[in-house]
Amino acid sequence: MKYDFNDPYGIARYIKESKKSTPVKVYLHGDLSKCDFGNIDVYGSPNFYLLFGEASEIIDFINKYKSKIIKYRLENDRRNSAIPLLDLLSIDARIEPGAIIRDNVHIGKNTVIMMGAVINIGAEIGDDTMIDMNAVVGARGKLGKRVHLGAGAVVAGVLEPPSKSPCIIGDDVLIGANSVILEGVKIGSGSVVAAGSVVTEDVPAGVVVAGIPAKIIKYVDNKTRNKTQLLEDLRK
């Protein structure tokens, strides 16, 4: 079945109909040479094994063969998860360790995703954009080309309530650290959002906004452009 990830109802239906998963990894010491592993993915020798699979199946396996197990350690990082993570091997971008990117996200060419960034389902990130440390792009958020989303900044997701329009950030926008762009806000190309601002309404192109709530304080001029220019070497 096809889902429209630009539509909140489509995303909600996808989450509802997806098979929920609690994957686990187990390091196991014991003699399991004659055991039936079923659907569990197994690697190892007769005395040491690495198991991957669903929690319920692996726990049942451990209980069934506990007399053959000397010791084990189980690791898991999610519970009844509805959305897998994006396959990063298919992305032509720089993605640093600790970034969390859900499936059905578009990542543009030469984009940089820094440590701790979170990008939710349905989001679109344009070419040459940087998502800095611990920044968040919520569900359906759309960022243009050459955007800089500063450390700790939030582009609010719009999935619930479903009536809201998504946030849309134009090309060449700089959003300062720890700023918040509220649901449905559109920011015009070339604009600058000062650090720590809360943007509650649409911002036209080519202006600087600051404050809580953010207000226009000036037009972007050469001085502003020089202070907010991107470093192309970071995107190579």
C-alpha atoms as a PDB file:
ATOM      1  CA  MET A   1       0.000   0.000   0.000  1.00  0.00           C
ATOM      2  CA  LYS A   2       1.213   3.494  -0.865  1.00  0.00           C
ATOM      3  CA  TYR A   3       1.143   6.291   1.689  1.00  0.00           C
ATOM      4  CA  ASP A   4       1.285  10.063   1.201  1.00  0.00           C
ATOM      5  CA  PHE A   5       3.932  11.298   3.632  1.00  0.00           C
ATOM      6  CA  ASN A   6       3.002  14.919   2.901  1.00  0.00           C
ATOM      7  CA  ASP A   7      -0.446  14.258   4.365  1.00  0.00           C
ATOM      8  CA  PRO A   8      -0.837  13.904   8.156  1.00  0.00           C
ATOM      9  CA  TYR A   9      -3.633  11.380   7.686  1.00  0.00           C
ATOM     10  CA  GLY A  10      -1.404   9.339   5.361  1.00  0.00           C
ATOM     11  CA  ILE A  11       1.383   9.300   7.953  1.00  0.00           C
ATOM     12  CA  ALA A  12      -1.061   8.383  10.722  1.00  0.00           C
ATOM     13  CA  ARG A  13      -2.435   5.507   8.638  1.00  0.00           C
ATOM     14  CA  TYR A  14       1.109   4.309   7.924  1.00  0.00           C
ATOM     15  CA  ILE A  15       1.923   4.300  11.655  1.00  0.00           C
ATOM     16  CA  LYS A  16      -1.350   2.545  12.496  1.00  0.00           C
ATOM     17  CA  GLU A  17      -0.891  -0.181   9.881  1.00  0.00           C
ATOM     18  CA  SER A  18       2.838  -0.751  10.357  1.00  0.00           C
ATOM     19  CA  LYS A  19       4.036  -3.832  12.186  1.00  0.00           C
ATOM     20  CA  LYS A  20       5.307  -2.671  15.571  1.00  0.00           C
ATOM     21  CA  SER A  21       8.800  -3.884  16.365  1.00  0.00           C
ATOM     22  CA  THR A  22      10.926  -4.366  19.484  1.00  0.00           C
ATOM     23  CA  PRO A  23      14.265  -5.514  18.045  1.00  0.00           C
ATOM     24  CA  VAL A  24      16.925  -6.755  20.440  1.00  0.00           C
ATOM     25  CA  LYS A  25      20.535  -7.875  20.298  1.00  0.00           C
ATOM     26  CA  VAL A  26      21.840 -10.610  22.603  1.00  0.00           C
ATOM     27  CA  TYR A  27      25.392 -11.641  23.456  1.00  0.00           C
ATOM     28  CA  LEU A  28      25.177 -15.243  24.604  1.00  0.00           C
ATOM     29  CA  HIS A  29      27.670 -17.747  26.092  1.00  0.00           C
ATOM     30  CA  GLY A  30      26.636 -21.392  26.032  1.00  0.00           C
ATOM     31  CA  ASP A  31      26.369 -24.541  23.912  1.00  0.00           C
ATOM     32  CA  LEU A  32      23.509 -23.986  21.481  1.00  0.00           C
ATOM     33  CA  SER A  33      24.774 -26.238  18.709  1.00  0.00           C
ATOM     34  CA  LYS A  34      21.605 -28.365  18.716  1.00  0.00           C
ATOM     35  CA  CYS A  35      19.069 -25.614  19.310  1.00  0.00           C
ATOM     36  CA  ASP A  36      16.371 -24.469  16.900  1.00  0.00           C
ATOM     37  CA  PHE A  37      16.790 -20.716  16.387  1.00  0.00           C
ATOM     38  CA  GLY A  38      13.634 -20.259  14.321  1.00  0.00           C
ATOM     39  CA  ASN A  39      13.525 -16.756  12.789  1.00  0.00           C
ATOM     40  CA  ILE A  40      16.341 -15.431  14.984  1.00  0.00           C
ATOM     41  CA  ASP A  41      19.387 -14.166  13.079  1.00  0.00           C
ATOM     42  CA  VAL A  42      22.429 -15.908  14.568  1.00  0.00           C
ATOM     43  CA  TYR A  43      26.183 -15.405  14.324  1.00  0.00           C
ATOM     44  CA  GLY A  44      28.932 -17.159  16.261  1.00  0.00           C
ATOM     45  CA  SER A  45      30.636 -20.381  17.291  1.00  0.00           C
ATOM     46  CA  PRO A  46      29.472 -23.329  19.430  1.00  0.00           C
ATOM     47  CA  ASN A  47      30.260 -21.361  22.614  1.00  0.00           C
ATOM     48  CA  PHE A  48      29.596 -17.702  21.815  1.00  0.00           C
ATOM     49  CA  TYR A  49      26.694 -16.286  19.832  1.00  0.00           C
ATOM     50  CA  LEU A  50      25.301 -12.965  18.711  1.00  0.00           C
ATOM     51  CA  LEU A  51      21.538 -13.023  18.225  1.00  0.00           C
ATOM     52  CA  PHE A  52      19.289 -10.471  16.490  1.00  0.00           C
ATOM     53  CA  GLY A  53      15.518 -10.625  16.465  1.00  0.00           C
ATOM     54  CA  GLU A  54      12.211  -9.626  18.012  1.00  0.00           C
ATOM     55  CA  ALA A  55      12.249  -9.419  21.801  1.00  0.00           C
ATOM     56  CA  SER A  56       9.358 -11.839  22.324  1.00  0.00           C
ATOM     57  CA  GLU A  57      10.919 -14.552  20.174  1.00  0.00           C
ATOM     58  CA  ILE A  58      14.398 -14.201  21.678  1.00  0.00           C
ATOM     59  CA  ILE A  59      13.082 -14.193  25.264  1.00  0.00           C
ATOM     60  CA  ASP A  60      11.084 -17.360  24.504  1.00  0.00           C
ATOM     61  CA  PHE A  61      14.248 -18.919  23.051  1.00  0.00           C
ATOM     62  CA  ILE A  62      16.303 -18.039  26.140  1.00  0.00           C
ATOM     63  CA  ASN A  63      13.658 -19.481  28.460  1.00  0.00           C
ATOM     64  CA  LYS A  64      13.402 -22.665  26.398  1.00  0.00           C
ATOM     65  CA  TYR A  65      17.152 -23.319  26.345  1.00  0.00           C
ATOM     66  CA  LYS A  66      18.217 -21.736  29.637  1.00  0.00           C
ATOM     67  CA  SER A  67      19.830 -24.991  30.791  1.00  0.00           C
ATOM     68  CA  LYS A  68      22.304 -24.686  27.916  1.00  0.00           C
ATOM     69  CA  ILE A  69      23.078 -20.996  28.532  1.00  0.00           C
ATOM     70  CA  ILE A  70      25.909 -19.970  30.838  1.00  0.00           C
ATOM     71  CA  LYS A  71      25.232 -16.241  30.665  1.00  0.00           C
ATOM     72  CA  TYR A  72      23.864 -13.604  28.290  1.00  0.00           C
ATOM     73  CA  ARG A  73      23.371  -9.875  27.889  1.00  0.00           C
ATOM     74  CA  LEU A  74      20.369  -8.375  26.086  1.00  0.00           C
ATOM     75  CA  GLU A  75      20.330  -4.896  24.544  1.00  0.00           C
ATOM     76  CA  ASN A  76      17.413  -2.957  23.074  1.00  0.00           C
ATOM     77  CA  ASP A  77      16.802   0.694  22.244  1.00  0.00           C
ATOM     78  CA  ARG A  78      13.089   0.868  21.346  1.00  0.00           C
ATOM     79  CA  ARG A  79       9.720  -0.636  22.221  1.00  0.00           C
ATOM     80  CA  ASN A  80       6.852  -1.297  19.787  1.00  0.00           C
ATOM     81  CA  SER A  81       8.452   1.077  17.301  1.00  0.00           C
ATOM     82  CA  ALA A  82       6.262   1.899  14.316  1.00  0.00           C
ATOM     83  CA  ILE A  83       8.780   3.668  12.074  1.00  0.00           C
ATOM     84  CA  PRO A  84      12.209   2.306  11.159  1.00  0.00           C
ATOM     85  CA  LEU A  85      15.249   4.511  10.758  1.00  0.00           C
ATOM     86  CA  LEU A  86      16.362   5.756   7.350  1.00  0.00           C
ATOM     87  CA  ASP A  87      18.857   3.628   5.401  1.00  0.00           C
ATOM     88  CA  LEU A  88      21.852   5.964   5.569  1.00  0.00           C
ATOM     89  CA  LEU A  89      23.878   4.006   3.002  1.00  0.00           C
ATOM     90  CA  SER A  90      21.649   5.401   0.251  1.00  0.00           C
ATOM     91  CA  ILE A  91      22.205   9.064   1.234  1.00  0.00           C
ATOM     92  CA  ASP A  92      24.709  11.346  -0.547  1.00  0.00           C
ATOM     93  CA  ALA A  93      25.322  13.527   2.513  1.00  0.00           C
ATOM     94  CA  ARG A  94      27.463  13.764   5.665  1.00  0.00           C
ATOM     95  CA  ILE A  95      25.652  12.286   8.636  1.00  0.00           C
ATOM     96  CA  GLU A  96      27.514  12.246  11.936  1.00  0.00           C
ATOM     97  CA  PRO A  97      27.134   9.644  14.732  1.00  0.00           C
ATOM     98  CA  GLY A  98      24.134  10.047  17.003  1.00  0.00           C
ATOM     99  CA  ALA A  99      21.822  11.666  14.450  1.00  0.00           C
ATOM    100  CA  ILE A 100      18.348  10.100  14.411  1.00  0.00           C
ATOM    101  CA  ILE A 101      16.584  10.149  11.047  1.00  0.00           C
ATOM    102  CA  ARG A 102      13.286   8.316  10.604  1.00  0.00           C
ATOM    103  CA  ASP A 103      12.343   6.498   7.426  1.00  0.00           C
ATOM    104  CA  ASN A 104      10.515   8.329   4.620  1.00  0.00           C
ATOM    105  CA  VAL A 105      12.626  11.465   4.994  1.00  0.00           C
ATOM    106  CA  HIS A 106      14.268  13.178   2.014  1.00  0.00           C
ATOM    107  CA  ILE A 107      17.882  14.259   2.569  1.00  0.00           C
ATOM    108  CA  GLY A 108      19.389  16.436  -0.183  1.00  0.00           C
ATOM    109  CA  LYS A 109      22.842  16.133  -1.698  1.00  0.00           C
ATOM    110  CA  ASN A 110      25.777  17.480   0.360  1.00  0.00           C
ATOM    111  CA  THR A 111      23.565  18.052   3.377  1.00  0.00           C
ATOM    112  CA  VAL A 112      25.273  17.893   6.795  1.00  0.00           C
ATOM    113  CA  ILE A 113      23.452  16.308   9.738  1.00  0.00           C
ATOM    114  CA  MET A 114      25.354  16.792  12.996  1.00  0.00           C
ATOM    115  CA  MET A 115      25.465  14.761  16.220  1.00  0.00           C
ATOM    116  CA  GLY A 116      22.207  14.528  18.130  1.00  0.00           C
ATOM    117  CA  ALA A 117      20.027  15.998  15.376  1.00  0.00           C
ATOM    118  CA  VAL A 118      16.540  14.492  15.001  1.00  0.00           C
ATOM    119  CA  ILE A 119      14.582  14.444  11.736  1.00  0.00           C
ATOM    120  CA  ASN A 120      11.086  12.991  11.807  1.00  0.00           C
ATOM    121  CA  ILE A 121       8.975  11.217   9.209  1.00  0.00           C
ATOM    122  CA  GLY A 122       7.882  13.168   6.127  1.00  0.00           C
ATOM    123  CA  ALA A 123      10.524  15.894   6.507  1.00  0.00           C
ATOM    124  CA  GLU A 124      12.402  17.217   3.480  1.00  0.00           C
ATOM    125  CA  ILE A 125      15.913  18.657   3.724  1.00  0.00           C
ATOM    126  CA  GLY A 126      17.298  20.536   0.697  1.00  0.00           C
ATOM    127  CA  ASP A 127      20.756  20.303  -0.867  1.00  0.00           C
ATOM    128  CA  ASP A 128      23.718  21.828   1.013  1.00  0.00           C
ATOM    129  CA  THR A 129      21.691  22.396   4.177  1.00  0.00           C
ATOM    130  CA  MET A 130      23.197  21.925   7.650  1.00  0.00           C
ATOM    131  CA  ILE A 131      21.230  20.585  10.611  1.00  0.00           C
ATOM    132  CA  ASP A 132      23.451  21.419  13.583  1.00  0.00           C
ATOM    133  CA  MET A 133      23.878  19.561  16.881  1.00  0.00           C
ATOM    134  CA  ASN A 134      20.668  18.641  18.750  1.00  0.00           C
ATOM    135  CA  ALA A 135      18.459  20.490  16.278  1.00  0.00           C
ATOM    136  CA  VAL A 136      15.029  19.017  15.518  1.00  0.00           C
ATOM    137  CA  VAL A 137      13.049  18.938  12.285  1.00  0.00           C
ATOM    138  CA  GLY A 138       9.575  17.676  13.098  1.00  0.00           C
ATOM    139  CA  ALA A 139       7.212  15.636  10.949  1.00  0.00           C
ATOM    140  CA  ARG A 140       6.593  17.117   7.469  1.00  0.00           C
ATOM    141  CA  GLY A 141       8.970  20.034   8.027  1.00  0.00           C
ATOM    142  CA  LYS A 142      10.425  21.324   4.756  1.00  0.00           C
ATOM    143  CA  LEU A 143      13.812  23.045   4.586  1.00  0.00           C
ATOM    144  CA  GLY A 144      15.136  24.531   1.360  1.00  0.00           C
ATOM    145  CA  LYS A 145      18.658  24.597  -0.043  1.00  0.00           C
ATOM    146  CA  ARG A 146      21.640  26.063   1.848  1.00  0.00           C
ATOM    147  CA  VAL A 147      19.702  26.444   5.103  1.00  0.00           C
ATOM    148  CA  HIS A 148      21.585  26.490   8.404  1.00  0.00           C
ATOM    149  CA  LEU A 149      19.493  25.220  11.316  1.00  0.00           C
ATOM    150  CA  GLY A 150      21.468  26.177  14.419  1.00  0.00           C
ATOM    151  CA  ALA A 151      22.309  23.966  17.381  1.00  0.00           C
ATOM    152  CA  GLY A 152      19.277  23.157  19.520  1.00  0.00           C
ATOM    153  CA  ALA A 153      16.841  24.879  17.151  1.00  0.00           C
ATOM    154  CA  VAL A 154      13.410  23.357  16.497  1.00  0.00           C
ATOM    155  CA  VAL A 155      11.309  23.378  13.351  1.00  0.00           C
ATOM    156  CA  ALA A 156       8.016  22.177  14.802  1.00  0.00           C
ATOM    157  CA  GLY A 157       6.468  19.049  13.398  1.00  0.00           C
ATOM    158  CA  VAL A 158       2.914  19.002  12.155  1.00  0.00           C
ATOM    159  CA  LEU A 159       1.299  15.611  12.517  1.00  0.00           C
ATOM    160  CA  GLU A 160      -1.091  16.222  15.394  1.00  0.00           C
ATOM    161  CA  PRO A 161      -3.374  18.127  15.113  1.00  0.00           C
ATOM    162  CA  PRO A 162      -3.606  17.088  11.449  1.00  0.00           C
ATOM    163  CA  SER A 163      -5.272  20.304  10.229  1.00  0.00           C
ATOM    164  CA  LYS A 164      -2.062  22.335  10.493  1.00  0.00           C
ATOM    165  CA  SER A 165       0.104  23.150   7.466  1.00  0.00           C
ATOM    166  CA  PRO A 166       3.777  22.143   7.680  1.00  0.00           C
ATOM    167  CA  CYS A 167       6.632  24.512   8.425  1.00  0.00           C
ATOM    168  CA  ILE A 168       8.339  25.630   5.223  1.00  0.00           C
ATOM    169  CA  ILE A 169      11.805  27.190   5.345  1.00  0.00           C
ATOM    170  CA  GLY A 170      12.998  28.863   2.128  1.00  0.00           C
ATOM    171  CA  ASP A 171      16.446  28.692   0.542  1.00  0.00           C
ATOM    172  CA  ASP A 172      19.454  30.437   2.135  1.00  0.00           C
ATOM    173  CA  VAL A 173      17.793  30.883   5.530  1.00  0.00           C
ATOM    174  CA  LEU A 174      19.851  30.955   8.729  1.00  0.00           C
ATOM    175  CA  ILE A 175      18.066  29.951  11.923  1.00  0.00           C
ATOM    176  CA  GLY A 176      20.080  30.740  15.041  1.00  0.00           C
ATOM    177  CA  ALA A 177      20.787  28.381  17.915  1.00  0.00           C
ATOM    178  CA  ASN A 178      17.889  27.422  20.223  1.00  0.00           C
ATOM    179  CA  SER A 179      15.277  29.159  18.085  1.00  0.00           C
ATOM    180  CA  VAL A 180      11.805  27.664  17.683  1.00  0.00           C
ATOM    181  CA  ILE A 181       9.747  27.827  14.493  1.00  0.00           C
ATOM    182  CA  LEU A 182       6.151  27.085  15.454  1.00  0.00           C
ATOM    183  CA  GLU A 183       3.694  24.900  13.548  1.00  0.00           C
ATOM    184  CA  GLY A 184       2.726  26.050  10.082  1.00  0.00           C
ATOM    185  CA  VAL A 185       5.134  29.015   9.932  1.00  0.00           C
ATOM    186  CA  LYS A 186       6.755  29.855   6.599  1.00  0.00           C
ATOM    187  CA  ILE A 187      10.089  31.675   6.401  1.00  0.00           C
ATOM    188  CA  GLY A 188      11.010  33.398   3.144  1.00  0.00           C
ATOM    189  CA  SER A 189      14.280  32.820   1.319  1.00  0.00           C
ATOM    190  CA  GLY A 190      17.376  34.645   2.518  1.00  0.00           C
ATOM    191  CA  SER A 191      15.999  35.580   5.928  1.00  0.00           C
ATOM    192  CA  VAL A 192      17.769  35.295   9.285  1.00  0.00           C
ATOM    193  CA  VAL A 193      16.253  34.217  12.608  1.00  0.00           C
ATOM    194  CA  ALA A 194      18.310  35.435  15.569  1.00  0.00           C
ATOM    195  CA  ALA A 195      19.386  32.942  18.220  1.00  0.00           C
ATOM    196  CA  GLY A 196      16.794  32.160  20.884  1.00  0.00           C
ATOM    197  CA  SER A 197      13.853  33.552  18.937  1.00  0.00           C
ATOM    198  CA  VAL A 198      10.363  32.063  18.856  1.00  0.00           C
ATOM    199  CA  VAL A 199       8.773  32.543  15.439  1.00  0.00           C
ATOM    200  CA  THR A 200       4.981  32.494  15.679  1.00  0.00           C
ATOM    201  CA  GLU A 201       3.993  33.915  12.278  1.00  0.00           C
ATOM    202  CA  ASP A 202       5.217  33.916   8.690  1.00  0.00           C
ATOM    203  CA  VAL A 203       8.448  35.762   7.876  1.00  0.00           C
ATOM    204  CA  PRO A 204       8.931  37.452   4.471  1.00  0.00           C
ATOM    205  CA  ALA A 205      12.058  36.988   2.384  1.00  0.00           C
ATOM    206  CA  GLY A 206      15.221  38.957   3.069  1.00  0.00           C
ATOM    207  CA  VAL A 207      14.642  40.133   6.646  1.00  0.00           C
ATOM    208  CA  VAL A 208      16.138  39.592  10.097  1.00  0.00           C
ATOM    209  CA  VAL A 209      13.774  38.644  12.918  1.00  0.00           C
ATOM    210  CA  ALA A 210      14.505  38.398  16.636  1.00  0.00           C
ATOM    211  CA  GLY A 211      12.772  38.072  19.982  1.00  0.00           C
ATOM    212  CA  ILE A 212       9.885  36.263  21.658  1.00  0.00           C
ATOM    213  CA  PRO A 213       7.716  36.454  19.692  1.00  0.00           C
ATOM    214  CA  ALA A 214      10.051  37.206  16.790  1.00  0.00           C
ATOM    215  CA  LYS A 215       9.638  40.577  15.051  1.00  0.00           C
ATOM    216  CA  ILE A 216      11.347  42.096  12.024  1.00  0.00           C
ATOM    217  CA  ILE A 217      14.271  44.237  13.183  1.00  0.00           C
ATOM    218  CA  LYS A 218      15.964  44.996   9.841  1.00  0.00           C
ATOM    219  CA  TYR A 219      16.419  43.958   6.252  1.00  0.00           C
ATOM    220  CA  VAL A 220      19.284  41.659   5.344  1.00  0.00           C
ATOM    221  CA  ASP A 221      22.210  43.793   4.142  1.00  0.00           C
ATOM    222  CA  ASN A 222      25.817  43.121   3.160  1.00  0.00           C
ATOM    223  CA  LYS A 223      26.930  43.199   6.794  1.00  0.00           C
ATOM    224  CA  THR A 224      24.348  40.550   7.678  1.00  0.00           C
ATOM    225  CA  ARG A 225      25.323  38.407   4.706  1.00  0.00           C
ATOM    226  CA  ASN A 226      28.985  38.533   5.692  1.00  0.00           C
ATOM    227  CA  LYS A 227      28.171  37.483   9.258  1.00  0.00           C
ATOM    228  CA  THR A 228      25.920  34.602   8.186  1.00  0.00           C
ATOM    229  CA  GLN A 229      27.720  33.209   5.149  1.00  0.00           C
ATOM    230  CA  LEU A 230      28.089  29.447   4.861  1.00  0.00           C
ATOM    231  CA  LEU A 231      31.387  27.575   4.689  1.00  0.00           C
ATOM    232  CA  GLU A 232      31.327  25.463   1.543  1.00  0.00           C
ATOM    233  CA  ASP A 233      34.234  23.301   2.766  1.00  0.00           C
ATOM    234  CA  LEU A 234      31.940  21.843   5.440  1.00  0.00           C
ATOM    235  CA  ARG A 235      29.743  20.393   2.713  1.00  0.00           C
ATOM    236  CA  LYS A 236      32.472  18.683   0.680  1.00  0.00           C
END
